[in-house]
């Protein structure tokens, strides 16, 4: 049986006539050209002694190459004694059902389902930490929202609120990461077609992470040291460094001697 008889130019330039007609590509695939100018890819076949008709879609939305690919898939199903038209109808029904489920599935229900899958082989302590953060930072705002109605602006507002309200940059970034994970799961399960925040990056709307350096660093001359000595002196009040020294105000004297033996001394200022 001859196949791939048509060219792209023949399909493109096929003109309408007073009645519809067919252009055969071979192997049962043909293009229907309607008087209105519309063009449809179809396959007429027999399955269990019954006449069947499978429509692949309109041209040019479905190109010649795409139509051939779809036709080959359908023929492969028929060789396995599966009715291609019935299979397509079942697939369409399943898609409608998934869309209906996604319109009923709330973000809270999705999060619970994701947690049950994600938490496997994770430590109980880590799972509890993540669950606590979800319950505290994310779910209060969107728990009852159907997942197909989630908006990027709402999710971004949640993350921004964590940073701005509590000055918690790291927690805000982690919240965004977890929401993206949950919505990727929803896409993988077929609940939604795409995530509203799939392309969102923390740098797009969060402040840059800032590192707090020690304050009050001043170079001084180390007493009783040779000319080869180098000194760094740090004065710190009511700081984490001071707390480490168990003092409210401290001076740290570090003398590094340019010799094979390096020594350091700390004077708490007493």
Protein backbone atom coordinates (compact mmCIF):
# COMPACT_ATOMS: atom_id res chain seq x y z
CA UNK A 1 0.00 0.00 0.00
CA UNK A 2 1.42 3.32 -1.07
CA UNK A 3 1.72 5.91 1.70
CA UNK A 4 2.89 9.54 2.07
CA UNK A 5 1.53 10.46 -1.35
CA UNK A 6 0.73 14.08 -0.55
CA UNK A 7 3.13 17.00 -0.32
CA UNK A 8 2.80 20.00 1.95
CA UNK A 9 2.26 22.25 -1.07
CA UNK A 10 -0.60 20.07 -2.38
CA UNK A 11 -2.31 20.22 0.97
CA UNK A 12 -1.75 23.95 1.36
CA UNK A 13 -3.01 24.86 -2.12
CA UNK A 14 -5.99 22.48 -2.24
CA UNK A 15 -8.90 24.69 -3.37
CA UNK A 16 -12.54 24.26 -2.30
CA UNK A 17 -15.10 22.97 -4.79
CA UNK A 18 -18.87 23.01 -4.90
CA UNK A 19 -18.88 19.67 -3.05
CA UNK A 20 -16.41 18.29 -0.55
CA UNK A 21 -13.71 15.97 -1.82
CA UNK A 22 -10.80 13.90 -0.51
CA UNK A 23 -7.08 13.93 -1.05
CA UNK A 24 -5.58 10.56 -0.11
CA UNK A 25 -2.19 10.34 1.56
CA UNK A 26 -2.25 6.52 1.55
CA UNK A 27 -2.60 4.01 4.35
CA UNK A 28 -6.18 5.15 4.93
CA UNK A 29 -5.26 8.75 5.81
CA UNK A 30 -6.98 11.44 3.78
CA UNK A 31 -7.71 15.16 3.79
CA UNK A 32 -11.31 16.32 3.43
CA UNK A 33 -11.65 19.67 1.63
CA UNK A 34 -15.02 21.30 2.31
CA UNK A 35 -16.84 23.82 0.10
CA UNK A 36 -16.35 26.40 2.83
CA UNK A 37 -12.58 25.98 2.52
CA UNK A 38 -12.10 24.02 5.74
CA UNK A 39 -9.73 21.05 5.68
CA UNK A 40 -9.89 18.02 8.01
CA UNK A 41 -7.67 14.97 8.45
CA UNK A 42 -9.63 11.71 8.72
CA UNK A 43 -9.38 7.94 8.60
CA UNK A 44 -12.23 5.62 7.58
CA UNK A 45 -11.63 2.04 8.72
CA UNK A 46 -13.34 -1.15 9.82
CA UNK A 47 -13.20 -2.56 13.33
CA UNK A 48 -14.93 -5.83 14.15
CA UNK A 49 -16.80 -5.61 10.84
CA UNK A 50 -18.14 -2.14 11.67
CA UNK A 51 -17.46 1.04 9.71
CA UNK A 52 -15.57 3.58 11.84
CA UNK A 53 -14.51 7.17 11.31
CA UNK A 54 -11.63 8.84 13.17
CA UNK A 55 -11.05 12.57 12.87
CA UNK A 56 -7.54 13.76 13.70
CA UNK A 57 -8.10 17.50 13.46
CA UNK A 58 -8.12 20.48 11.10
CA UNK A 59 -5.38 21.67 8.79
CA UNK A 60 -3.23 23.78 9.21
CA UNK A 61 -3.44 23.39 13.02
CA UNK A 62 -2.54 19.77 12.36
CA UNK A 63 0.17 19.74 9.72
CA UNK A 64 0.74 16.95 7.23
CA UNK A 65 3.63 15.57 9.31
CA UNK A 66 1.57 15.71 12.51
CA UNK A 67 -1.39 14.01 10.84
CA UNK A 68 0.86 11.18 9.65
CA UNK A 69 2.23 10.74 13.17
CA UNK A 70 -1.25 10.60 14.70
CA UNK A 71 -2.38 8.20 11.98
CA UNK A 72 0.52 5.84 12.66
CA UNK A 73 -0.34 5.79 16.37
CA UNK A 74 -3.97 4.97 15.55
CA UNK A 75 -2.98 2.16 13.16
CA UNK A 76 -0.71 0.71 15.86
CA UNK A 77 -3.67 0.60 18.26
CA UNK A 78 -5.81 -1.17 15.67
CA UNK A 79 -3.09 -3.79 15.19
CA UNK A 80 -3.39 -4.45 18.95
CA UNK A 81 -7.18 -4.94 18.55
CA UNK A 82 -7.90 -1.60 20.19
CA UNK A 83 -10.48 0.61 18.51
CA UNK A 84 -8.68 3.96 17.89
CA UNK A 85 -11.92 5.97 17.86
CA UNK A 86 -13.12 4.44 21.13
CA UNK A 87 -9.69 4.97 22.70
CA UNK A 88 -9.71 8.64 21.68
CA UNK A 89 -13.18 9.07 23.17
CA UNK A 90 -12.06 7.43 26.43
CA UNK A 91 -8.98 9.67 26.57
CA UNK A 92 -11.10 12.77 26.04
CA UNK A 93 -13.50 11.63 28.76
CA UNK A 94 -10.58 11.10 31.15
CA UNK A 95 -9.30 14.63 30.44
CA UNK A 96 -12.73 16.09 31.17
CA UNK A 97 -12.87 14.10 34.39
CA UNK A 98 -9.43 15.32 35.47
CA UNK A 99 -10.46 18.91 34.78
CA UNK A 100 -13.59 18.39 36.86
CA UNK A 101 -11.53 16.91 39.70
CA UNK A 102 -9.07 19.80 39.58
CA UNK A 103 -11.92 22.28 39.84
CA UNK A 104 -13.01 20.51 43.05
CA UNK A 105 -9.54 19.79 44.47
CA UNK A 106 -8.48 22.53 46.88
CA UNK A 107 -4.91 23.52 47.60
CA UNK A 108 -5.22 22.08 51.10
CA UNK A 109 -6.31 18.68 49.73
CA UNK A 110 -3.54 18.79 47.14
CA UNK A 111 -0.97 19.64 49.82
CA UNK A 112 -2.09 16.70 51.95
CA UNK A 113 -1.82 14.34 48.97
CA UNK A 114 1.61 15.72 48.08
CA UNK A 115 2.80 15.36 51.68
CA UNK A 116 1.81 11.69 51.75
CA UNK A 117 3.93 11.05 48.66
CA UNK A 118 6.83 13.41 49.39
CA UNK A 119 7.29 12.39 53.04
CA UNK A 120 8.33 8.83 52.22
CA UNK A 121 11.91 8.17 53.30
CA UNK A 122 12.08 11.60 54.95
CA UNK A 123 12.80 11.95 58.65
CA UNK A 124 9.75 12.49 60.87
CA UNK A 125 11.31 15.65 62.29
CA UNK A 126 11.85 17.20 58.84
CA UNK A 127 8.35 16.29 57.69
CA UNK A 128 6.86 17.88 60.81
CA UNK A 129 8.92 21.05 60.22
CA UNK A 130 7.68 21.35 56.63
CA UNK A 131 4.08 20.64 57.66
CA UNK A 132 4.25 23.29 60.39
CA UNK A 133 5.53 25.91 57.94
CA UNK A 134 2.83 25.04 55.40
CA UNK A 135 0.10 25.26 58.05
CA UNK A 136 1.46 28.54 59.42
CA UNK A 137 2.65 30.44 56.34
CA UNK A 138 0.79 29.20 53.24
CA UNK A 139 -2.43 27.28 53.85
CA UNK A 140 -4.31 29.97 55.80
CA UNK A 141 -4.47 32.13 52.67
CA UNK A 142 -5.27 29.51 50.00
CA UNK A 143 -6.43 26.31 51.72
CA UNK A 144 -9.95 26.41 50.22
CA UNK A 145 -8.99 27.71 46.77
CA UNK A 146 -9.49 25.17 43.91
CA UNK A 147 -6.09 24.49 42.39
CA UNK A 148 -7.20 25.43 38.88
CA UNK A 149 -8.07 28.91 40.21
CA UNK A 150 -4.75 29.66 41.92
CA UNK A 151 -3.22 32.94 40.78
CA UNK A 152 0.48 33.76 40.69
CA UNK A 153 -0.17 37.17 42.23
CA UNK A 154 -1.81 35.60 45.30
CA UNK A 155 0.99 33.07 45.83
CA UNK A 156 3.66 35.73 45.39
CA UNK A 157 1.85 37.93 47.93
CA UNK A 158 2.04 35.09 50.46
CA UNK A 159 5.79 34.76 49.99
CA UNK A 160 6.37 38.51 50.10
CA UNK A 161 4.32 38.71 53.30
CA UNK A 162 6.63 36.21 55.01
CA UNK A 163 9.65 38.34 54.17
CA UNK A 164 8.12 41.75 54.84
CA UNK A 165 6.04 40.81 57.86
CA UNK A 166 8.60 38.77 59.74
CA UNK A 167 11.82 39.82 58.02
CA UNK A 168 12.38 36.13 57.25
CA UNK A 169 14.11 36.01 53.87
CA UNK A 170 15.14 32.37 54.10
CA UNK A 171 11.65 31.20 55.13
CA UNK A 172 10.13 33.18 52.25
CA UNK A 173 12.39 31.45 49.75
CA UNK A 174 11.64 28.05 51.26
CA UNK A 175 7.90 28.74 51.08
CA UNK A 176 8.17 29.56 47.37
CA UNK A 177 10.20 26.41 46.79
CA UNK A 178 7.61 24.22 48.52
CA UNK A 179 4.67 25.78 46.65
CA UNK A 180 6.47 25.15 43.36
CA UNK A 181 7.07 21.52 44.39
CA UNK A 182 3.41 20.99 45.27
CA UNK A 183 2.19 22.51 42.00
CA UNK A 184 4.72 20.49 39.96
CA UNK A 185 3.17 17.43 41.58
CA UNK A 186 -0.29 18.62 40.49
CA UNK A 187 0.95 19.00 36.90
CA UNK A 188 2.54 15.53 36.96
CA UNK A 189 -0.73 14.03 38.21
CA UNK A 190 -2.69 15.76 35.48
CA UNK A 191 -4.74 17.88 37.88
CA UNK A 192 -3.64 21.10 36.16
CA UNK A 193 -1.93 21.76 32.86
CA UNK A 194 0.68 24.17 34.20
CA UNK A 195 1.81 25.83 37.40
CA UNK A 196 1.11 29.57 37.73
CA UNK A 197 4.52 30.07 39.38
CA UNK A 198 6.65 27.66 37.33
CA UNK A 199 8.82 30.49 35.96
CA UNK A 200 8.83 32.61 39.12
CA UNK A 201 12.22 33.15 40.76
CA UNK A 202 12.89 34.61 44.23
CA UNK A 203 15.04 37.34 42.67
CA UNK A 204 12.00 38.58 40.75
CA UNK A 205 10.27 39.98 43.84
CA UNK A 206 12.20 39.18 47.04
CA UNK A 207 14.89 41.35 48.55
CA UNK A 208 18.43 40.15 48.11
CA UNK A 209 19.79 38.11 50.98
CA UNK A 210 21.88 40.34 53.22
CA UNK A 211 24.80 39.22 55.37
CA UNK A 212 25.32 41.09 58.64
CA UNK A 213 29.00 41.63 59.29
CA UNK A 214 30.62 42.37 62.64
CA UNK A 215 30.45 46.07 63.51
CA UNK A 216 33.13 48.25 65.01
CA UNK A 217 36.21 46.57 63.59
CA UNK A 218 39.19 48.87 64.17
CA UNK A 219 42.91 48.27 63.62
CA UNK A 220 45.09 49.06 66.61
CA UNK A 221 48.71 48.62 67.59
CA UNK A 222 49.33 45.53 69.63
CA UNK A 223 51.29 46.41 72.79
CA UNK A 224 54.51 44.58 73.56
CA UNK A 225 54.85 43.17 70.06
CA UNK A 226 57.66 43.33 67.54
CA UNK A 227 57.62 45.38 64.35
CA UNK A 228 56.78 42.23 62.41
CA UNK A 229 53.53 41.79 64.30
CA UNK A 230 50.08 42.35 62.74
CA UNK A 231 47.03 43.12 64.83
CA UNK A 232 43.28 43.00 64.47
CA UNK A 233 41.19 44.40 67.29
CA UNK A 234 37.42 44.00 67.42
CA UNK A 235 35.19 45.88 69.83
CA UNK A 236 31.65 44.61 70.12
CA UNK A 237 28.82 45.56 72.52
CA UNK A 238 25.76 43.42 73.22
CA UNK A 239 26.54 41.22 70.19
CA UNK A 240 26.64 37.56 69.44
CA UNK A 241 30.45 37.75 69.58
CA UNK A 242 30.28 39.36 73.03
CA UNK A 243 27.82 36.72 74.21
CA UNK A 244 30.24 34.05 73.06
CA UNK A 245 32.81 35.63 75.43
CA UNK A 246 30.15 35.89 78.18
CA UNK A 247 30.60 39.64 78.41
CA UNK A 248 28.46 42.65 77.55
CA UNK A 249 31.40 44.60 76.23
CA UNK A 250 34.64 43.07 75.02
CA UNK A 251 37.80 43.76 73.15
CA UNK A 252 39.39 40.95 71.20
CA UNK A 253 43.15 41.29 70.72
CA UNK A 254 44.67 38.98 68.16
CA UNK A 255 48.40 39.23 67.60
CA UNK A 256 49.83 37.27 64.69
CA UNK A 257 53.61 37.07 64.80
CA UNK A 258 55.46 36.70 61.50
CA UNK A 259 57.45 33.72 62.65
CA UNK A 260 57.23 29.94 62.29
CA UNK A 261 55.26 29.88 65.55
CA UNK A 262 51.92 31.71 65.40
CA UNK A 263 50.43 32.79 68.70
CA UNK A 264 47.21 34.57 69.62
CA UNK A 265 46.03 36.18 72.82
CA UNK A 266 42.62 37.41 73.88
CA UNK A 267 42.12 40.17 76.40
CA UNK A 268 38.55 40.56 77.65
CA UNK A 269 39.28 44.12 78.77
CA UNK A 270 39.45 43.35 82.46
